[in-house]
């Protein structure tokens, strides 16, 4: 069975365990809803946080949702110099690997709260590539290439 990637990001209101777990819980529930995920088919979840979030592991939210057999890993994001539209403070990101026969283009990504800025930047990049005619083929931005974000705009 193919494995598909599903991305998501959100922000926490403050650096404490409750805020990190609540924001992550909201994000995971939204990804499950958008993609009609069966937890038994989640192959892996990789969480990252910006360095200003260190009061709790975001993976705790997944465990509390019952994801006890899913391999989970947490880490910190790269520290990219500002200004950068993808450099959102107090940000929690997740990459889910999901076993499904559905094509990658059907996977829906979620960018909540302050992380919507990441989605807006991706949409601007997609628009520029469409204008250049680069989206659609594997060679430059299409399905199967590095810069392609599948699915309909959120």
Protein backbone atom coordinates (compact mmCIF):
# COMPACT_ATOMS: atom_id res chain seq x y z
CA UNK A 1 0.00 0.00 0.00
CA UNK A 2 1.35 3.48 -0.81
CA UNK A 3 2.35 5.90 1.94
CA UNK A 4 1.22 9.54 1.66
CA UNK A 5 2.43 12.64 3.46
CA UNK A 6 0.08 15.00 5.28
CA UNK A 7 1.37 18.27 6.70
CA UNK A 8 0.00 20.57 9.31
CA UNK A 9 1.01 23.47 11.50
CA UNK A 10 -0.43 25.62 14.25
CA UNK A 11 0.72 27.97 16.97
CA UNK A 12 0.53 27.85 20.74
CA UNK A 13 -0.58 30.88 22.74
CA UNK A 14 2.26 30.49 25.25
CA UNK A 15 5.12 28.21 26.22
CA UNK A 16 3.45 25.92 28.70
CA UNK A 17 2.41 22.29 28.55
CA UNK A 18 -1.32 22.96 28.42
CA UNK A 19 -1.09 25.42 25.51
CA UNK A 20 1.21 23.16 23.48
CA UNK A 21 -0.95 20.07 23.99
CA UNK A 22 -4.21 21.94 23.28
CA UNK A 23 -2.89 23.46 20.03
CA UNK A 24 -1.52 20.11 18.89
CA UNK A 25 -4.76 18.31 19.79
CA UNK A 26 -6.74 20.82 17.70
CA UNK A 27 -4.38 20.35 14.74
CA UNK A 28 -4.45 16.55 14.85
CA UNK A 29 -8.23 16.45 15.14
CA UNK A 30 -8.49 18.73 12.10
CA UNK A 31 -6.13 16.55 10.05
CA UNK A 32 -8.12 13.44 11.01
CA UNK A 33 -11.37 15.17 10.03
CA UNK A 34 -10.08 16.59 6.73
CA UNK A 35 -8.57 13.29 5.61
CA UNK A 36 -10.94 10.81 7.28
CA UNK A 37 -7.90 9.14 8.83
CA UNK A 38 -7.93 5.70 10.38
CA UNK A 39 -5.42 5.90 13.25
CA UNK A 40 -4.37 2.29 12.57
CA UNK A 41 -3.07 3.41 9.16
CA UNK A 42 -0.90 6.28 10.44
CA UNK A 43 2.62 4.97 9.82
CA UNK A 44 4.53 7.75 11.57
CA UNK A 45 4.17 11.28 12.95
CA UNK A 46 7.04 13.74 13.18
CA UNK A 47 6.43 16.86 15.23
CA UNK A 48 8.64 19.92 15.35
CA UNK A 49 8.41 23.10 17.38
CA UNK A 50 10.18 26.39 17.17
CA UNK A 51 12.79 26.79 19.89
CA UNK A 52 10.49 29.09 21.88
CA UNK A 53 8.28 26.06 22.69
CA UNK A 54 9.97 23.65 25.06
CA UNK A 55 7.53 23.12 27.94
CA UNK A 56 6.11 19.83 26.58
CA UNK A 57 6.42 17.40 23.69
CA UNK A 58 3.59 17.92 21.17
CA UNK A 59 3.43 14.14 20.73
CA UNK A 60 1.69 13.97 24.11
CA UNK A 61 -1.48 15.24 22.41
CA UNK A 62 -1.36 12.30 19.98
CA UNK A 63 -0.93 9.82 22.82
CA UNK A 64 -3.90 11.34 24.63
CA UNK A 65 -5.95 10.89 21.45
CA UNK A 66 -5.18 7.18 21.58
CA UNK A 67 -2.31 7.09 19.10
CA UNK A 68 -0.46 4.58 21.30
CA UNK A 69 0.79 2.32 18.48
CA UNK A 70 1.86 5.14 16.14
CA UNK A 71 5.61 5.85 16.13
CA UNK A 72 6.04 9.49 17.19
CA UNK A 73 9.10 11.73 17.16
CA UNK A 74 9.66 15.35 18.19
CA UNK A 75 12.36 17.84 17.29
CA UNK A 76 13.03 21.54 16.83
CA UNK A 77 12.69 23.49 13.58
CA UNK A 78 15.67 25.02 11.86
CA UNK A 79 16.46 28.56 12.95
CA UNK A 80 15.98 30.51 9.73
CA UNK A 81 16.87 34.19 9.86
CA UNK A 82 13.98 36.62 9.83
CA UNK A 83 12.16 38.06 8.02
CA UNK A 84 10.88 34.88 6.47
CA UNK A 85 7.15 34.21 5.94
CA UNK A 86 7.60 30.56 6.91
CA UNK A 87 9.37 31.48 10.16
CA UNK A 88 6.34 31.59 12.47
CA UNK A 89 7.06 31.96 16.21
CA UNK A 90 5.60 29.52 18.75
CA UNK A 91 4.87 27.12 15.90
CA UNK A 92 4.10 23.40 16.06
CA UNK A 93 4.42 21.44 12.82
CA UNK A 94 3.60 17.85 12.01
CA UNK A 95 4.27 15.51 9.12
CA UNK A 96 2.10 12.40 9.10
CA UNK A 97 2.92 9.42 6.94
CA UNK A 98 -0.31 7.62 6.14
CA UNK A 99 -0.95 4.25 4.51
CA UNK A 100 -3.64 4.70 1.86
CA UNK A 101 -4.48 3.85 -1.73
CA UNK A 102 -5.78 7.39 -2.20
CA UNK A 103 -3.49 9.58 -4.33
CA UNK A 104 -1.31 12.28 -2.74
CA UNK A 105 -3.37 15.01 -4.41
CA UNK A 106 -6.33 13.99 -2.22
CA UNK A 107 -4.44 14.56 1.03
CA UNK A 108 -5.51 17.74 2.81
CA UNK A 109 -3.10 19.82 4.85
CA UNK A 110 -4.08 22.09 7.75
CA UNK A 111 -2.54 25.38 8.81
CA UNK A 112 -4.27 26.80 11.88
CA UNK A 113 -3.99 29.93 14.01
CA UNK A 114 -0.78 31.90 13.35
CA UNK A 115 0.53 29.15 11.05
CA UNK A 116 -1.87 30.31 8.34
CA UNK A 117 1.02 32.56 7.23
CA UNK A 118 2.84 29.40 6.10
CA UNK A 119 -0.15 28.36 3.96
CA UNK A 120 -0.43 31.85 2.47
CA UNK A 121 3.23 31.72 1.45
CA UNK A 122 2.72 28.26 -0.13
CA UNK A 123 -0.29 29.56 -2.02
CA UNK A 124 1.74 32.52 -3.36
CA UNK A 125 4.46 30.12 -4.51
CA UNK A 126 1.90 27.84 -6.16
CA UNK A 127 0.35 30.81 -7.98
CA UNK A 128 3.76 31.95 -9.27
CA UNK A 129 4.51 28.43 -10.53
CA UNK A 130 1.10 28.17 -12.21
CA UNK A 131 1.70 31.47 -14.01
CA UNK A 132 5.03 30.11 -15.23
CA UNK A 133 3.32 26.89 -16.30
CA UNK A 134 5.50 24.84 -13.98
CA UNK A 135 2.75 23.08 -12.01
CA UNK A 136 1.33 19.96 -13.53
CA UNK A 137 4.43 18.05 -14.52
CA UNK A 138 6.87 16.11 -12.37
CA UNK A 139 9.75 18.16 -13.71
CA UNK A 140 8.90 21.46 -12.05
CA UNK A 141 6.48 21.63 -9.19
CA UNK A 142 3.88 19.06 -10.19
CA UNK A 143 2.72 15.98 -8.33
CA UNK A 144 5.72 13.99 -7.18
CA UNK A 145 8.07 16.96 -7.01
CA UNK A 146 9.44 18.60 -3.88
CA UNK A 147 7.52 21.90 -3.99
CA UNK A 148 4.04 20.55 -4.71
CA UNK A 149 1.37 20.78 -2.01
CA UNK A 150 -1.41 18.46 -3.12
CA UNK A 151 -5.11 19.00 -2.72
CA UNK A 152 -7.51 21.83 -3.14
CA UNK A 153 -6.66 25.11 -1.45
CA UNK A 154 -7.76 25.12 2.18
